[in-house]
Amino acid sequence: MIKSFRDKWLRYFFLEDKPSKKIPADIRERLFRKLQLADDATCRKDLMSPPSNHFERLSGNLSGLCSIRVNNQWRLVFEWDDEHGEARGLYLDNHDYR
């Protein structure tokens, strides 16, 4: 379940179906599906399926955060709380963190 978003525009995009210029047009549909998947997730295993999500725990500057792939360039990054099954501080990020 998504507990919180880092950016208001992403929350509005998902919860209120408000488009944002910050979201590239070619990923909007897929991004919405990935947000639905994250919102439906109750455990880490839910985020690992389908394998195309490429769920990963991040390291370095983003240690403690996780990500799932939207496409080759964009990721959803968030803190996953195993105890409560919640994604916190979720945001859309360019694949610059590697």
PDB file of N, CA and C in Angstrom:
ATOM      1  N   MET A   1       0.842  -1.170   0.000  1.00  0.00           N
ATOM      2  CA  MET A   1       0.000   0.000   0.000  1.00  0.00           C
ATOM      3  C   MET A   1       0.895   1.244   0.000  1.00  0.00           C
ATOM      4  N   ILE A   2       0.503   2.230  -0.755  1.00  0.00           N
ATOM      5  CA  ILE A   2       1.259   3.485  -0.762  1.00  0.00           C
ATOM      6  C   ILE A   2       0.775   4.330   0.412  1.00  0.00           C
ATOM      7  N   LYS A   3       1.674   4.597   1.325  1.00  0.00           N
ATOM      8  CA  LYS A   3       1.349   5.402   2.507  1.00  0.00           C
ATOM      9  C   LYS A   3       1.560   6.885   2.238  1.00  0.00           C
ATOM     10  N   SER A   4       2.642   7.220   1.480  1.00  0.00           N
ATOM     11  CA  SER A   4       2.914   8.628   1.205  1.00  0.00           C
ATOM     12  C   SER A   4       3.718   8.789  -0.081  1.00  0.00           C
ATOM     13  N   PHE A   5       3.553   9.957  -0.679  1.00  0.00           N
ATOM     14  CA  PHE A   5       4.295  10.356  -1.873  1.00  0.00           C
ATOM     15  C   PHE A   5       5.241  11.481  -1.487  1.00  0.00           C
ATOM     16  N   ARG A   6       6.401  11.519  -2.100  1.00  0.00           N
ATOM     17  CA  ARG A   6       7.325  12.627  -1.867  1.00  0.00           C
ATOM     18  C   ARG A   6       6.824  13.885  -2.578  1.00  0.00           C
ATOM     19  N   ASP A   7       6.270  13.706  -3.785  1.00  0.00           N
ATOM     20  CA  ASP A   7       5.864  14.837  -4.619  1.00  0.00           C
ATOM     21  C   ASP A   7       4.343  14.884  -4.786  1.00  0.00           C
ATOM     22  N   LYS A   8       3.777  16.066  -4.567  1.00  0.00           N
ATOM     23  CA  LYS A   8       2.323  16.230  -4.678  1.00  0.00           C
ATOM     24  C   LYS A   8       1.816  15.921  -6.077  1.00  0.00           C
ATOM     25  N   TRP A   9       2.576  16.309  -7.099  1.00  0.00           N
ATOM     26  CA  TRP A   9       2.111  16.101  -8.469  1.00  0.00           C
ATOM     27  C   TRP A   9       1.947  14.619  -8.791  1.00  0.00           C
ATOM     28  N   LEU A  10       2.776  13.763  -8.202  1.00  0.00           N
ATOM     29  CA  LEU A  10       2.649  12.323  -8.430  1.00  0.00           C
ATOM     30  C   LEU A  10       1.429  11.782  -7.685  1.00  0.00           C
ATOM     31  N   ARG A  11       1.201  12.284  -6.491  1.00  0.00           N
ATOM     32  CA  ARG A  11       0.007  11.885  -5.729  1.00  0.00           C
ATOM     33  C   ARG A  11      -1.252  12.295  -6.480  1.00  0.00           C
ATOM     34  N   TYR A  12      -1.300  13.515  -7.008  1.00  0.00           N
ATOM     35  CA  TYR A  12      -2.457  13.972  -7.776  1.00  0.00           C
ATOM     36  C   TYR A  12      -2.648  13.142  -9.042  1.00  0.00           C
ATOM     37  N   PHE A  13      -1.546  12.794  -9.686  1.00  0.00           N
ATOM     38  CA  PHE A  13      -1.612  11.958 -10.889  1.00  0.00           C
ATOM     39  C   PHE A  13      -2.280  10.625 -10.569  1.00  0.00           C
ATOM     40  N   PHE A  14      -1.881  10.007  -9.474  1.00  0.00           N
ATOM     41  CA  PHE A  14      -2.397   8.680  -9.134  1.00  0.00           C
ATOM     42  C   PHE A  14      -3.790   8.727  -8.502  1.00  0.00           C
ATOM     43  N   LEU A  15      -3.980   9.568  -7.513  1.00  0.00           N
ATOM     44  CA  LEU A  15      -5.234   9.560  -6.762  1.00  0.00           C
ATOM     45  C   LEU A  15      -6.355  10.362  -7.403  1.00  0.00           C
ATOM     46  N   GLU A  16      -6.004  11.414  -8.139  1.00  0.00           N
ATOM     47  CA  GLU A  16      -7.034  12.285  -8.697  1.00  0.00           C
ATOM     48  C   GLU A  16      -7.021  12.333 -10.218  1.00  0.00           C
ATOM     49  N   ASP A  17      -6.173  11.503 -10.828  1.00  0.00           N
ATOM     50  CA  ASP A  17      -6.090  11.409 -12.288  1.00  0.00           C
ATOM     51  C   ASP A  17      -5.789  12.763 -12.941  1.00  0.00           C
ATOM     52  N   LYS A  18      -4.924  13.547 -12.291  1.00  0.00           N
ATOM     53  CA  LYS A  18      -4.527  14.849 -12.829  1.00  0.00           C
ATOM     54  C   LYS A  18      -3.190  14.702 -13.543  1.00  0.00           C
ATOM     55  N   PRO A  19      -3.147  15.035 -14.832  1.00  0.00           N
ATOM     56  CA  PRO A  19      -1.885  14.912 -15.574  1.00  0.00           C
ATOM     57  C   PRO A  19      -0.846  15.913 -15.064  1.00  0.00           C
ATOM     58  N   SER A  20       0.409  15.568 -15.278  1.00  0.00           N
ATOM     59  CA  SER A  20       1.505  16.453 -14.891  1.00  0.00           C
ATOM     60  C   SER A  20       2.509  16.524 -16.030  1.00  0.00           C
ATOM     61  N   LYS A  21       3.012  17.716 -16.288  1.00  0.00           N
ATOM     62  CA  LYS A  21       4.031  17.889 -17.321  1.00  0.00           C
ATOM     63  C   LYS A  21       5.350  17.240 -16.913  1.00  0.00           C
ATOM     64  N   LYS A  22       5.491  16.914 -15.644  1.00  0.00           N
ATOM     65  CA  LYS A  22       6.721  16.287 -15.160  1.00  0.00           C
ATOM     66  C   LYS A  22       6.784  14.801 -15.507  1.00  0.00           C
ATOM     67  N   ILE A  23       5.664  14.250 -15.963  1.00  0.00           N
ATOM     68  CA  ILE A  23       5.611  12.830 -16.324  1.00  0.00           C
ATOM     69  C   ILE A  23       5.621  12.722 -17.842  1.00  0.00           C
ATOM     70  N   PRO A  24       6.651  12.107 -18.415  1.00  0.00           N
ATOM     71  CA  PRO A  24       6.701  11.953 -19.870  1.00  0.00           C
ATOM     72  C   PRO A  24       5.463  11.217 -20.385  1.00  0.00           C
ATOM     73  N   ALA A  25       4.909  11.703 -21.476  1.00  0.00           N
ATOM     74  CA  ALA A  25       3.677  11.136 -22.032  1.00  0.00           C
ATOM     75  C   ALA A  25       3.803   9.650 -22.340  1.00  0.00           C
ATOM     76  N   ASP A  26       4.979   9.220 -22.769  1.00  0.00           N
ATOM     77  CA  ASP A  26       5.142   7.823 -23.178  1.00  0.00           C
ATOM     78  C   ASP A  26       5.184   6.836 -22.008  1.00  0.00           C
ATOM     79  N   ILE A  27       5.234   7.312 -20.769  1.00  0.00           N
ATOM     80  CA  ILE A  27       5.241   6.364 -19.638  1.00  0.00           C
ATOM     81  C   ILE A  27       4.004   6.487 -18.749  1.00  0.00           C
ATOM     82  N   ARG A  28       3.096   7.394 -19.051  1.00  0.00           N
ATOM     83  CA  ARG A  28       1.960   7.654 -18.153  1.00  0.00           C
ATOM     84  C   ARG A  28       1.117   6.416 -17.861  1.00  0.00           C
ATOM     85  N   GLU A  29       0.744   5.688 -18.895  1.00  0.00           N
ATOM     86  CA  GLU A  29      -0.077   4.491 -18.699  1.00  0.00           C
ATOM     87  C   GLU A  29       0.647   3.451 -17.860  1.00  0.00           C
ATOM     88  N   ARG A  30       1.868   3.190 -18.231  1.00  0.00           N
ATOM     89  CA  ARG A  30       2.652   2.179 -17.517  1.00  0.00           C
ATOM     90  C   ARG A  30       2.937   2.623 -16.080  1.00  0.00           C
ATOM     91  N   LEU A  31       3.223   3.898 -15.895  1.00  0.00           N
ATOM     92  CA  LEU A  31       3.456   4.431 -14.555  1.00  0.00           C
ATOM     93  C   LEU A  31       2.222   4.230 -13.681  1.00  0.00           C
ATOM     94  N   PHE A  32       1.056   4.507 -14.230  1.00  0.00           N
ATOM     95  CA  PHE A  32      -0.174   4.336 -13.458  1.00  0.00           C
ATOM     96  C   PHE A  32      -0.347   2.882 -13.027  1.00  0.00           C
ATOM     97  N   ARG A  33      -0.060   1.940 -13.923  1.00  0.00           N
ATOM     98  CA  ARG A  33      -0.155   0.513 -13.580  1.00  0.00           C
ATOM     99  C   ARG A  33       0.834   0.144 -12.470  1.00  0.00           C
ATOM    100  N   LYS A  34       2.047   0.690 -12.542  1.00  0.00           N
ATOM    101  CA  LYS A  34       3.050   0.397 -11.509  1.00  0.00           C
ATOM    102  C   LYS A  34       2.638   0.998 -10.161  1.00  0.00           C
ATOM    103  N   LEU A  35       2.023   2.164 -10.191  1.00  0.00           N
ATOM    104  CA  LEU A  35       1.527   2.769  -8.956  1.00  0.00           C
ATOM    105  C   LEU A  35       0.399   1.922  -8.366  1.00  0.00           C
ATOM    106  N   GLN A  36      -0.472   1.407  -9.232  1.00  0.00           N
ATOM    107  CA  GLN A  36      -1.532   0.513  -8.757  1.00  0.00           C
ATOM    108  C   GLN A  36      -0.933  -0.728  -8.104  1.00  0.00           C
ATOM    109  N   LEU A  37       0.081  -1.283  -8.740  1.00  0.00           N
ATOM    110  CA  LEU A  37       0.743  -2.469  -8.205  1.00  0.00           C
ATOM    111  C   LEU A  37       1.338  -2.172  -6.828  1.00  0.00           C
ATOM    112  N   ALA A  38       2.015  -1.032  -6.695  1.00  0.00           N
ATOM    113  CA  ALA A  38       2.610  -0.657  -5.409  1.00  0.00           C
ATOM    114  C   ALA A  38       1.528  -0.430  -4.356  1.00  0.00           C
ATOM    115  N   ASP A  39       0.409   0.134  -4.764  1.00  0.00           N
ATOM    116  CA  ASP A  39      -0.680   0.389  -3.829  1.00  0.00           C
ATOM    117  C   ASP A  39      -1.346  -0.909  -3.373  1.00  0.00           C
ATOM    118  N   ASP A  40      -1.400  -1.893  -4.242  1.00  0.00           N
ATOM    119  CA  ASP A  40      -2.004  -3.190  -3.906  1.00  0.00           C
ATOM    120  C   ASP A  40      -1.065  -4.091  -3.109  1.00  0.00           C
ATOM    121  N   ALA A  41       0.223  -3.802  -3.128  1.00  0.00           N
ATOM    122  CA  ALA A  41       1.213  -4.668  -2.477  1.00  0.00           C
ATOM    123  C   ALA A  41       1.045  -4.663  -0.959  1.00  0.00           C
ATOM    124  N   THR A  42       1.156  -5.859  -0.385  1.00  0.00           N
ATOM    125  CA  THR A  42       1.102  -5.987   1.072  1.00  0.00           C
ATOM    126  C   THR A  42       2.404  -6.558   1.625  1.00  0.00           C
ATOM    127  N   CYS A  43       3.254  -7.055   0.718  1.00  0.00           N
ATOM    128  CA  CYS A  43       4.551  -7.587   1.132  1.00  0.00           C
ATOM    129  C   CYS A  43       5.548  -7.384  -0.013  1.00  0.00           C
ATOM    130  N   ARG A  44       6.805  -7.529   0.299  1.00  0.00           N
ATOM    131  CA  ARG A  44       7.864  -7.323  -0.691  1.00  0.00           C
ATOM    132  C   ARG A  44       7.702  -8.263  -1.885  1.00  0.00           C
ATOM    133  N   LYS A  45       7.239  -9.472  -1.623  1.00  0.00           N
ATOM    134  CA  LYS A  45       7.059 -10.463  -2.687  1.00  0.00           C
ATOM    135  C   LYS A  45       6.084  -9.963  -3.759  1.00  0.00           C
ATOM    136  N   ASP A  46       5.068  -9.201  -3.346  1.00  0.00           N
ATOM    137  CA  ASP A  46       4.113  -8.634  -4.304  1.00  0.00           C
ATOM    138  C   ASP A  46       4.800  -7.689  -5.281  1.00  0.00           C
ATOM    139  N   LEU A  47       5.854  -7.020  -4.836  1.00  0.00           N
ATOM    140  CA  LEU A  47       6.570  -6.067  -5.680  1.00  0.00           C
ATOM    141  C   LEU A  47       7.536  -6.758  -6.639  1.00  0.00           C
ATOM    142  N   MET A  48       7.848  -8.004  -6.363  1.00  0.00           N
ATOM    143  CA  MET A  48       8.779  -8.760  -7.205  1.00  0.00           C
ATOM    144  C   MET A  48       8.086  -9.414  -8.391  1.00  0.00           C
ATOM    145  N   SER A  49       6.786  -9.393  -8.402  1.00  0.00           N
ATOM    146  CA  SER A  49       6.034 -10.017  -9.484  1.00  0.00           C
ATOM    147  C   SER A  49       5.195  -8.953 -10.171  1.00  0.00           C
ATOM    148  N   PRO A  50       5.278  -8.823 -11.466  1.00  0.00           N
ATOM    149  CA  PRO A  50       6.039  -9.642 -12.404  1.00  0.00           C
ATOM    150  C   PRO A  50       7.537  -9.308 -12.346  1.00  0.00           C
ATOM    151  N   PRO A  51       8.355 -10.228 -12.855  1.00  0.00           N
ATOM    152  CA  PRO A  51       9.811 -10.005 -12.837  1.00  0.00           C
ATOM    153  C   PRO A  51      10.246  -8.728 -13.558  1.00  0.00           C
ATOM    154  N   SER A  52       9.426  -8.237 -14.490  1.00  0.00           N
ATOM    155  CA  SER A  52       9.781  -7.012 -15.221  1.00  0.00           C
ATOM    156  C   SER A  52       9.815  -5.791 -14.305  1.00  0.00           C
ATOM    157  N   ASN A  53       9.295  -5.908 -13.085  1.00  0.00           N
ATOM    158  CA  ASN A  53       9.404  -4.806 -12.121  1.00  0.00           C
ATOM    159  C   ASN A  53      10.846  -4.555 -11.729  1.00  0.00           C
ATOM    160  N   HIS A  54      11.674  -5.594 -11.787  1.00  0.00           N
ATOM    161  CA  HIS A  54      13.072  -5.492 -11.368  1.00  0.00           C
ATOM    162  C   HIS A  54      13.178  -4.838  -9.993  1.00  0.00           C
ATOM    163  N   PHE A  55      12.386  -5.350  -9.049  1.00  0.00           N
ATOM    164  CA  PHE A  55      12.440  -4.847  -7.673  1.00  0.00           C
ATOM    165  C   PHE A  55      13.862  -4.977  -7.143  1.00  0.00           C
ATOM    166  N   GLU A  56      14.365  -3.908  -6.542  1.00  0.00           N
ATOM    167  CA  GLU A  56      15.707  -3.981  -5.963  1.00  0.00           C
ATOM    168  C   GLU A  56      15.825  -3.080  -4.748  1.00  0.00           C
ATOM    169  N   ARG A  57      16.656  -3.506  -3.827  1.00  0.00           N
ATOM    170  CA  ARG A  57      17.021  -2.676  -2.686  1.00  0.00           C
ATOM    171  C   ARG A  57      18.240  -1.875  -3.122  1.00  0.00           C
ATOM    172  N   LEU A  58      18.186  -0.577  -2.910  1.00  0.00           N
ATOM    173  CA  LEU A  58      19.245   0.302  -3.385  1.00  0.00           C
ATOM    174  C   LEU A  58      20.359   0.419  -2.353  1.00  0.00           C
ATOM    175  N   SER A  59      21.512   0.849  -2.817  1.00  0.00           N
ATOM    176  CA  SER A  59      22.668   1.002  -1.929  1.00  0.00           C
ATOM    177  C   SER A  59      23.289   2.375  -2.146  1.00  0.00           C
ATOM    178  N   GLY A  60      24.375   2.628  -1.472  1.00  0.00           N
ATOM    179  CA  GLY A  60      25.058   3.920  -1.613  1.00  0.00           C
ATOM    180  C   GLY A  60      24.243   5.040  -0.998  1.00  0.00           C
ATOM    181  N   ASN A  61      24.120   6.152  -1.728  1.00  0.00           N
ATOM    182  CA  ASN A  61      23.372   7.314  -1.237  1.00  0.00           C
ATOM    183  C   ASN A  61      21.910   6.999  -0.963  1.00  0.00           C
ATOM    184  N   LEU A  62      21.378   5.991  -1.650  1.00  0.00           N
ATOM    185  CA  LEU A  62      19.966   5.648  -1.499  1.00  0.00           C
ATOM    186  C   LEU A  62      19.766   4.384  -0.670  1.00  0.00           C
ATOM    187  N   SER A  63      20.737   4.072   0.149  1.00  0.00           N
ATOM    188  CA  SER A  63      20.641   2.898   1.016  1.00  0.00           C
ATOM    189  C   SER A  63      19.377   2.989   1.868  1.00  0.00           C
ATOM    190  N   GLY A  64      18.668   1.885   1.984  1.00  0.00           N
ATOM    191  CA  GLY A  64      17.423   1.853   2.745  1.00  0.00           C
ATOM    192  C   GLY A  64      16.197   2.048   1.887  1.00  0.00           C
ATOM    193  N   LEU A  65      16.411   2.423   0.618  1.00  0.00           N
ATOM    194  CA  LEU A  65      15.294   2.601  -0.301  1.00  0.00           C
ATOM    195  C   LEU A  65      15.223   1.426  -1.266  1.00  0.00           C
ATOM    196  N   CYS A  66      14.068   1.286  -1.902  1.00  0.00           N
ATOM    197  CA  CYS A  66      13.842   0.236  -2.897  1.00  0.00           C
ATOM    198  C   CYS A  66      13.361   0.895  -4.176  1.00  0.00           C
ATOM    199  N   SER A  67      13.369   0.127  -5.258  1.00  0.00           N
ATOM    200  CA  SER A  67      12.835   0.659  -6.507  1.00  0.00           C
ATOM    201  C   SER A  67      12.196  -0.449  -7.324  1.00  0.00           C
ATOM    202  N   ILE A  68      11.260  -0.040  -8.167  1.00  0.00           N
ATOM    203  CA  ILE A  68      10.740  -0.911  -9.216  1.00  0.00           C
ATOM    204  C   ILE A  68      10.841  -0.130 -10.518  1.00  0.00           C
ATOM    205  N   ARG A  69      11.024  -0.845 -11.585  1.00  0.00           N
ATOM    206  CA  ARG A  69      11.259  -0.242 -12.890  1.00  0.00           C
ATOM    207  C   ARG A  69       9.937   0.120 -13.568  1.00  0.00           C
ATOM    208  N   VAL A  70       9.867   1.330 -14.096  1.00  0.00           N
ATOM    209  CA  VAL A  70       8.748   1.731 -14.950  1.00  0.00           C
ATOM    210  C   VAL A  70       9.119   1.392 -16.387  1.00  0.00           C
ATOM    211  N   ASN A  71      10.312   1.798 -16.798  1.00  0.00           N
ATOM    212  CA  ASN A  71      10.893   1.402 -18.085  1.00  0.00           C
ATOM    213  C   ASN A  71      12.415   1.446 -17.922  1.00  0.00           C
ATOM    214  N   ASN A  72      13.146   1.426 -19.016  1.00  0.00           N
ATOM    215  CA  ASN A  72      14.610   1.418 -18.908  1.00  0.00           C
ATOM    216  C   ASN A  72      15.182   2.693 -18.302  1.00  0.00           C
ATOM    217  N   GLN A  73      14.443   3.792 -18.371  1.00  0.00           N
ATOM    218  CA  GLN A  73      14.956   5.072 -17.885  1.00  0.00           C
ATOM    219  C   GLN A  73      14.366   5.503 -16.540  1.00  0.00           C
ATOM    220  N   TRP A  74      13.128   5.149 -16.259  1.00  0.00           N
ATOM    221  CA  TRP A  74      12.424   5.662 -15.088  1.00  0.00           C
ATOM    222  C   TRP A  74      12.156   4.584 -14.044  1.00  0.00           C
ATOM    223  N   ARG A  75      12.235   4.974 -12.773  1.00  0.00           N
ATOM    224  CA  ARG A  75      12.008   4.079 -11.640  1.00  0.00           C
ATOM    225  C   ARG A  75      11.081   4.743 -10.623  1.00  0.00           C
ATOM    226  N   LEU A  76      10.344   3.920  -9.909  1.00  0.00           N
ATOM    227  CA  LEU A  76       9.645   4.379  -8.716  1.00  0.00           C
ATOM    228  C   LEU A  76      10.537   4.015  -7.538  1.00  0.00           C
ATOM    229  N   VAL A  77      10.889   5.001  -6.747  1.00  0.00           N
ATOM    230  CA  VAL A  77      11.786   4.803  -5.606  1.00  0.00           C
ATOM    231  C   VAL A  77      10.980   5.083  -4.338  1.00  0.00           C
ATOM    232  N   PHE A  78      11.203   4.268  -3.306  1.00  0.00           N
ATOM    233  CA  PHE A  78      10.417   4.384  -2.084  1.00  0.00           C
ATOM    234  C   PHE A  78      11.093   3.639  -0.940  1.00  0.00           C
ATOM    235  N   GLU A  79      10.641   3.936   0.251  1.00  0.00           N
ATOM    236  CA  GLU A  79      11.051   3.178   1.433  1.00  0.00           C
ATOM    237  C   GLU A  79       9.962   2.141   1.672  1.00  0.00           C
ATOM    238  N   TRP A  80      10.332   0.867   1.769  1.00  0.00           N
ATOM    239  CA  TRP A  80       9.352  -0.194   1.991  1.00  0.00           C
ATOM    240  C   TRP A  80       9.375  -0.619   3.456  1.00  0.00           C
ATOM    241  N   ASP A  81       8.209  -0.608   4.071  1.00  0.00           N
ATOM    242  CA  ASP A  81       8.051  -1.026   5.464  1.00  0.00           C
ATOM    243  C   ASP A  81       7.464  -2.435   5.464  1.00  0.00           C
ATOM    244  N   ASP A  82       8.309  -3.435   5.740  1.00  0.00           N
ATOM    245  CA  ASP A  82       7.862  -4.833   5.736  1.00  0.00           C
ATOM    246  C   ASP A  82       6.796  -5.102   6.796  1.00  0.00           C
ATOM    247  N   GLU A  83       6.948  -4.485   7.940  1.00  0.00           N
ATOM    248  CA  GLU A  83       6.029  -4.745   9.050  1.00  0.00           C
ATOM    249  C   GLU A  83       4.589  -4.346   8.719  1.00  0.00           C
ATOM    250  N   HIS A  84       4.426  -3.208   8.068  1.00  0.00           N
ATOM    251  CA  HIS A  84       3.091  -2.702   7.757  1.00  0.00           C
ATOM    252  C   HIS A  84       2.703  -2.888   6.291  1.00  0.00           C
ATOM    253  N   GLY A  85       3.626  -3.340   5.459  1.00  0.00           N
ATOM    254  CA  GLY A  85       3.350  -3.513   4.034  1.00  0.00           C
ATOM    255  C   GLY A  85       3.050  -2.200   3.342  1.00  0.00           C
ATOM    256  N   GLU A  86       3.895  -1.196   3.598  1.00  0.00           N
ATOM    257  CA  GLU A  86       3.647   0.146   3.076  1.00  0.00           C
ATOM    258  C   GLU A  86       4.859   0.718   2.349  1.00  0.00           C
ATOM    259  N   ALA A  87       4.570   1.431   1.262  1.00  0.00           N
ATOM    260  CA  ALA A  87       5.588   2.202   0.544  1.00  0.00           C
ATOM    261  C   ALA A  87       5.475   3.644   1.027  1.00  0.00           C
ATOM    262  N   ARG A  88       6.589   4.210   1.465  1.00  0.00           N
ATOM    263  CA  ARG A  88       6.585   5.582   1.978  1.00  0.00           C
ATOM    264  C   ARG A  88       7.539   6.447   1.172  1.00  0.00           C
ATOM    265  N   GLY A  89       7.165   7.720   1.017  1.00  0.00           N
ATOM    266  CA  GLY A  89       8.028   8.662   0.320  1.00  0.00           C
ATOM    267  C   GLY A  89       8.242   8.295  -1.136  1.00  0.00           C
ATOM    268  N   LEU A  90       7.246   7.697  -1.764  1.00  0.00           N
ATOM    269  CA  LEU A  90       7.375   7.209  -3.141  1.00  0.00           C
ATOM    270  C   LEU A  90       7.558   8.375  -4.119  1.00  0.00           C
ATOM    271  N   TYR A  91       8.517   8.216  -5.035  1.00  0.00           N
ATOM    272  CA  TYR A  91       8.727   9.240  -6.056  1.00  0.00           C
ATOM    273  C   TYR A  91       9.216   8.623  -7.356  1.00  0.00           C
ATOM    274  N   LEU A  92       9.017   9.345  -8.439  1.00  0.00           N
ATOM    275  CA  LEU A  92       9.465   8.939  -9.770  1.00  0.00           C
ATOM    276  C   LEU A  92      10.844   9.529  -9.988  1.00  0.00           C
ATOM    277  N   ASP A  93      11.780   8.684 -10.426  1.00  0.00           N
ATOM    278  CA  ASP A  93      13.147   9.153 -10.589  1.00  0.00           C
ATOM    279  C   ASP A  93      13.732   8.669 -11.903  1.00  0.00           C
ATOM    280  N   ASN A  94      14.515   9.536 -12.501  1.00  0.00           N
ATOM    281  CA  ASN A  94      15.309   9.176 -13.658  1.00  0.00           C
ATOM    282  C   ASN A  94      16.338   8.156 -13.191  1.00  0.00           C
ATOM    283  N   HIS A  95      16.848   7.349 -14.057  1.00  0.00           N
ATOM    284  CA  HIS A  95      17.765   6.271 -13.664  1.00  0.00           C
ATOM    285  C   HIS A  95      19.180   6.817 -13.440  1.00  0.00           C
ATOM    286  N   ASP A  96      19.288   7.866 -12.608  1.00  0.00           N
ATOM    287  CA  ASP A  96      20.579   8.512 -12.352  1.00  0.00           C
ATOM    288  C   ASP A  96      21.274   7.991 -11.111  1.00  0.00           C
ATOM    289  N   TYR A  97      20.617   7.145 -10.341  1.00  0.00           N
ATOM    290  CA  TYR A  97      21.172   6.768  -9.048  1.00  0.00           C
ATOM    291  C   TYR A  97      22.238   5.704  -9.124  1.00  0.00           C
ATOM    292  N   ARG A  98      22.503   5.110 -10.266  1.00  0.00           N
ATOM    293  CA  ARG A  98      23.510   4.045 -10.355  1.00  0.00           C
ATOM    294  C   ARG A  98      24.896   4.628 -10.469  1.00  0.00           C
TER     295      ARG A  98
END
